[in-house]
Structure formats: structure tokens, C-alpha cells
C-alpha atoms as a PDB file:
ATOM      1  CA  UNK A   1     -18.678  -2.803  -0.102  1.00  0.00           C
ATOM      2  CA  UNK A   2     -19.093  -2.643  -4.334  1.00  0.00           C
ATOM      3  CA  UNK A   3     -17.344   1.144  -4.327  1.00  0.00           C
ATOM      4  CA  UNK A   4     -14.485   0.082  -2.267  1.00  0.00           C
ATOM      5  CA  UNK A   5     -13.669  -3.177  -4.345  1.00  0.00           C
ATOM      6  CA  UNK A   6     -14.619  -1.111  -7.593  1.00  0.00           C
ATOM      7  CA  UNK A   7     -11.971   1.740  -6.798  1.00  0.00           C
ATOM      8  CA  UNK A   8      -9.595  -1.043  -5.649  1.00  0.00           C
ATOM      9  CA  UNK A   9      -9.473  -2.966  -9.296  1.00  0.00           C
ATOM     10  CA  UNK A  10      -9.051   0.641 -10.811  1.00  0.00           C
ATOM     11  CA  UNK A  11      -6.275   1.287  -8.548  1.00  0.00           C
ATOM     12  CA  UNK A  12      -4.642  -1.804  -9.738  1.00  0.00           C
ATOM     13  CA  UNK A  13      -5.494  -1.053 -13.456  1.00  0.00           C
ATOM     14  CA  UNK A  14      -3.978   2.904 -12.897  1.00  0.00           C
ATOM     15  CA  UNK A  15      -1.148   0.844 -10.987  1.00  0.00           C
ATOM     16  CA  UNK A  16       0.150  -0.944 -14.232  1.00  0.00           C
ATOM     17  CA  UNK A  17      -0.313   2.014 -16.736  1.00  0.00           C
ATOM     18  CA  UNK A  18       1.439   3.990 -14.007  1.00  0.00           C
ATOM     19  CA  UNK A  19       4.298   1.873 -13.831  1.00  0.00           C
ATOM     20  CA  UNK A  20       5.341   0.890 -17.362  1.00  0.00           C
ATOM     21  CA  UNK A  21       4.496   4.204 -19.159  1.00  0.00           C
ATOM     22  CA  UNK A  22       5.261   7.049 -16.100  1.00  0.00           C
ATOM     23  CA  UNK A  23       7.634   5.576 -13.315  1.00  0.00           C
ATOM     24  CA  UNK A  24      10.321   3.262 -15.234  1.00  0.00           C
ATOM     25  CA  UNK A  25      10.999   5.797 -18.271  1.00  0.00           C
ATOM     26  CA  UNK A  26      14.175   6.384 -18.610  1.00  0.00           C
ATOM     27  CA  UNK A  27      15.036   6.429 -15.013  1.00  0.00           C
ATOM     28  CA  UNK A  28      13.961   9.315 -14.841  1.00  0.00           C
ATOM     29  CA  UNK A  29      10.386  10.782 -12.516  1.00  0.00           C
ATOM     30  CA  UNK A  30       7.644  11.882 -14.478  1.00  0.00           C
ATOM     31  CA  UNK A  31       6.072  15.005 -14.323  1.00  0.00           C
ATOM     32  CA  UNK A  32       3.131  16.059 -12.520  1.00  0.00           C
ATOM     33  CA  UNK A  33      -0.385  15.730 -14.607  1.00  0.00           C
ATOM     34  CA  UNK A  34      -2.487  18.769 -14.425  1.00  0.00           C
ATOM     35  CA  UNK A  35      -4.200  17.176 -11.175  1.00  0.00           C
ATOM     36  CA  UNK A  36      -3.441  19.226  -7.929  1.00  0.00           C
ATOM     37  CA  UNK A  37      -2.789  16.082  -6.170  1.00  0.00           C
ATOM     38  CA  UNK A  38       1.295  15.784  -7.417  1.00  0.00           C
ATOM     39  CA  UNK A  39       3.940  17.234  -5.949  1.00  0.00           C
ATOM     40  CA  UNK A  40       7.624  16.795  -7.378  1.00  0.00           C
ATOM     41  CA  UNK A  41      11.272  18.090  -6.566  1.00  0.00           C
ATOM     42  CA  UNK A  42      11.100  18.667 -10.590  1.00  0.00           C
ATOM     43  CA  UNK A  43       7.871  20.608 -10.939  1.00  0.00           C
ATOM     44  CA  UNK A  44       8.036  24.304 -11.958  1.00  0.00           C
ATOM     45  CA  UNK A  45       5.088  25.362 -10.391  1.00  0.00           C
ATOM     46  CA  UNK A  46       3.981  25.962  -7.228  1.00  0.00           C
ATOM     47  CA  UNK A  47       4.165  22.169  -6.627  1.00  0.00           C
ATOM     48  CA  UNK A  48       7.523  22.060  -6.211  1.00  0.00           C
ATOM     49  CA  UNK A  49       9.237  21.286  -3.235  1.00  0.00           C
ATOM     50  CA  UNK A  50      12.822  21.027  -2.693  1.00  0.00           C
ATOM     51  CA  UNK A  51      14.983  18.000  -2.944  1.00  0.00           C
ATOM     52  CA  UNK A  52      16.531  16.282  -0.297  1.00  0.00           C
ATOM     53  CA  UNK A  53      20.598  16.179   0.560  1.00  0.00           C
ATOM     54  CA  UNK A  54      22.441  13.401   0.874  1.00  0.00           C
ATOM     55  CA  UNK A  55      23.288  12.144   4.243  1.00  0.00           C
ATOM     56  CA  UNK A  56      26.713  10.371   3.781  1.00  0.00           C
ATOM     57  CA  UNK A  57      27.217   8.156   0.917  1.00  0.00           C
ATOM     58  CA  UNK A  58      24.524   6.912  -2.134  1.00  0.00           C
ATOM     59  CA  UNK A  59      23.911   4.031   0.356  1.00  0.00           C
ATOM     60  CA  UNK A  60      23.649   5.377   3.289  1.00  0.00           C
ATOM     61  CA  UNK A  61      21.117   7.983   2.124  1.00  0.00           C
ATOM     62  CA  UNK A  62      18.658   5.122   0.618  1.00  0.00           C
ATOM     63  CA  UNK A  63      19.417   3.197   3.512  1.00  0.00           C
ATOM     64  CA  UNK A  64      18.449   6.144   5.960  1.00  0.00           C
ATOM     65  CA  UNK A  65      15.517   6.712   3.816  1.00  0.00           C
ATOM     66  CA  UNK A  66      13.935   3.491   3.676  1.00  0.00           C
ATOM     67  CA  UNK A  67      14.181   3.326   7.691  1.00  0.00           C
ATOM     68  CA  UNK A  68      12.229   6.744   7.669  1.00  0.00           C
ATOM     69  CA  UNK A  69       9.476   5.401   5.235  1.00  0.00           C
ATOM     70  CA  UNK A  70       9.682   2.152   7.214  1.00  0.00           C
ATOM     71  CA  UNK A  71       8.318   4.019  10.711  1.00  0.00           C
ATOM     72  CA  UNK A  72       5.496   5.465   8.449  1.00  0.00           C
ATOM     73  CA  UNK A  73       2.242   3.530   8.412  1.00  0.00           C
ATOM     74  CA  UNK A  74       0.663   1.581   5.746  1.00  0.00           C
ATOM     75  CA  UNK A  75       3.743   1.978   3.279  1.00  0.00           C
ATOM     76  CA  UNK A  76       5.345  -0.729   0.951  1.00  0.00           C
ATOM     77  CA  UNK A  77       8.603  -1.183  -0.917  1.00  0.00           C
ATOM     78  CA  UNK A  78       7.612  -1.670  -4.414  1.00  0.00           C
ATOM     79  CA  UNK A  79      11.051  -1.184  -6.039  1.00  0.00           C
ATOM     80  CA  UNK A  80      14.594  -0.632  -5.504  1.00  0.00           C
ATOM     81  CA  UNK A  81      17.470  -0.012  -8.482  1.00  0.00           C
ATOM     82  CA  UNK A  82      20.868   1.224  -7.798  1.00  0.00           C
ATOM     83  CA  UNK A  83      19.521   5.034  -7.837  1.00  0.00           C
ATOM     84  CA  UNK A  84      15.576   4.350  -7.519  1.00  0.00           C
ATOM     85  CA  UNK A  85      13.208   3.748  -4.996  1.00  0.00           C
ATOM     86  CA  UNK A  86       9.412   3.175  -5.411  1.00  0.00           C
ATOM     87  CA  UNK A  87       6.985   2.999  -2.283  1.00  0.00           C
ATOM     88  CA  UNK A  88       3.010   3.017  -1.957  1.00  0.00           C
ATOM     89  CA  UNK A  89       1.153   4.826   0.508  1.00  0.00           C
ATOM     90  CA  UNK A  90      -2.551   3.632   1.117  1.00  0.00           C
ATOM     91  CA  UNK A  91      -4.418   6.095   3.180  1.00  0.00           C
ATOM     92  CA  UNK A  92      -6.482   4.876   6.259  1.00  0.00           C
ATOM     93  CA  UNK A  93     -10.310   5.174   5.204  1.00  0.00           C
ATOM     94  CA  UNK A  94     -10.796   4.572   1.369  1.00  0.00           C
ATOM     95  CA  UNK A  95      -7.537   3.106   0.876  1.00  0.00           C
ATOM     96  CA  UNK A  96      -6.329   4.764  -2.318  1.00  0.00           C
ATOM     97  CA  UNK A  97      -2.645   4.092  -2.909  1.00  0.00           C
ATOM     98  CA  UNK A  98      -0.287   7.103  -4.104  1.00  0.00           C
ATOM     99  CA  UNK A  99       2.521   6.546  -5.516  1.00  0.00           C
ATOM    100  CA  UNK A 100       6.281   7.883  -3.897  1.00  0.00           C
ATOM    101  CA  UNK A 101       9.594   7.609  -6.182  1.00  0.00           C
ATOM    102  CA  UNK A 102      12.845   8.676  -4.921  1.00  0.00           C
ATOM    103  CA  UNK A 103      16.140   9.526  -7.843  1.00  0.00           C
ATOM    104  CA  UNK A 104      19.448   9.623  -5.980  1.00  0.00           C
ATOM    105  CA  UNK A 105      21.265  12.117  -8.082  1.00  0.00           C
ATOM    106  CA  UNK A 106      24.801  11.335  -6.632  1.00  0.00           C
ATOM    107  CA  UNK A 107      27.050  13.529  -9.447  1.00  0.00           C
ATOM    108  CA  UNK A 108      24.815  16.512  -7.252  1.00  0.00           C
ATOM    109  CA  UNK A 109      24.382  14.570  -3.706  1.00  0.00           C
ATOM    110  CA  UNK A 110      20.675  14.930  -3.924  1.00  0.00           C
ATOM    111  CA  UNK A 111      17.728  13.364  -3.681  1.00  0.00           C
ATOM    112  CA  UNK A 112      14.437  14.065  -6.095  1.00  0.00           C
ATOM    113  CA  UNK A 113      11.384  12.708  -5.566  1.00  0.00           C
ATOM    114  CA  UNK A 114       7.784  12.823  -7.041  1.00  0.00           C
ATOM    115  CA  UNK A 115       4.514  11.863  -4.726  1.00  0.00           C
ATOM    116  CA  UNK A 116       1.259  11.511  -6.674  1.00  0.00           C
ATOM    117  CA  UNK A 117      -2.291  10.012  -6.041  1.00  0.00           C
ATOM    118  CA  UNK A 118      -3.222   7.194  -8.416  1.00  0.00           C
ATOM    119  CA  UNK A 119      -6.632   8.229  -9.152  1.00  0.00           C
ATOM    120  CA  UNK A 120      -8.707  11.667  -8.326  1.00  0.00           C
ATOM    121  CA  UNK A 121      -8.172  14.565  -9.174  1.00  0.00           C
ATOM    122  CA  UNK A 122      -7.846  16.024  -5.198  1.00  0.00           C
ATOM    123  CA  UNK A 123      -6.126  14.353  -2.362  1.00  0.00           C
ATOM    124  CA  UNK A 124      -6.575  17.396   0.292  1.00  0.00           C
ATOM    125  CA  UNK A 125      -2.794  17.921   0.082  1.00  0.00           C
ATOM    126  CA  UNK A 126      -2.164  14.520   1.541  1.00  0.00           C
ATOM    127  CA  UNK A 127       1.096  14.260  -1.063  1.00  0.00           C
ATOM    128  CA  UNK A 128       2.512  17.882  -0.186  1.00  0.00           C
ATOM    129  CA  UNK A 129       1.794  17.107   3.654  1.00  0.00           C
ATOM    130  CA  UNK A 130       3.260  13.891   3.461  1.00  0.00           C
ATOM    131  CA  UNK A 131       6.382  14.805   1.272  1.00  0.00           C
ATOM    132  CA  UNK A 132       6.521  18.202   3.790  1.00  0.00           C
ATOM    133  CA  UNK A 133       7.027  15.578   6.794  1.00  0.00           C
ATOM    134  CA  UNK A 134       9.743  13.293   5.274  1.00  0.00           C
ATOM    135  CA  UNK A 135      11.450  16.472   4.646  1.00  0.00           C
ATOM    136  CA  UNK A 136      11.219  17.744   7.883  1.00  0.00           C
ATOM    137  CA  UNK A 137      12.345  13.950   9.817  1.00  0.00           C
ATOM    138  CA  UNK A 138      14.958  13.712   6.846  1.00  0.00           C
ATOM    139  CA  UNK A 139      16.593  16.961   8.368  1.00  0.00           C
ATOM    140  CA  UNK A 140      15.561  16.355  12.028  1.00  0.00           C
ATOM    141  CA  UNK A 141      12.689  18.538  13.043  1.00  0.00           C
END
């Protein structure tokens, strides 16, 4: 019980640091850290995943993405801006919180994203599996 409470408090601290110094810096997705628990469309490493293509307009794409993620367990929309969405996903057992951010590039009609664990080194590929699932559901597989 003590460890769980400690981990939750550590997660909150990391969230505030993450929010103020990474997520909202110039409305761009932050690069992944050296830990293997982050995947992004803007990475140049083996942690890169292809961005999503718009479906209809910007608003239609945002609405569809919000609906898709709302259908997933333990998710919360934390922040919404004109071309930006920030969700949290909470793991089932230890209640670790992962941040998933989406940036809508209207000029190129693509959606960039980044999924990363707030704490720890490894996530047993949870972020990669999550984003691959979102990509599959986005294209209707």
C-alpha cells in the first residue's frame, strides 16, 4: 500500500514537470527520452511509428480520435487545444500513468503522436502496443 501511494505521488510530480517543460513547449511533441518506454511519429529511431492520416476535416479527425480513445479503458482527456490533444492512460495493476499526445498538422493532413510512460525505464512495450492498436482502429482493421 505504501509503495502504491509513493508511486502515485511520484507520478503527480513527474506530471507537473512533464506538462510545464515538455508537452506545451511551442505546441510541438517532445522528443522521446533515452528510455525504451516512448514511441512517437517524430522519432528517427526504431521507436518511430507512422502518423495517422486525417479523415475528413480537422474537426472530424479530432472528434473521431476522441471517440476512439473514449472507447478504451482507463483513459482521460486532459487537455484539448485547436490542434492538440493530451490523454492519460492508467495501467490496470499498478496504476502507472502514461501520457499520449496528438498534434494535428492541418497543412499536411496528418496526426503526429507521442506515447510515453511518466516513470520507470521499461513498460514491456505497452506504449508501442497501445499506439499500434490506435493506428489499426483508426484505419478500420
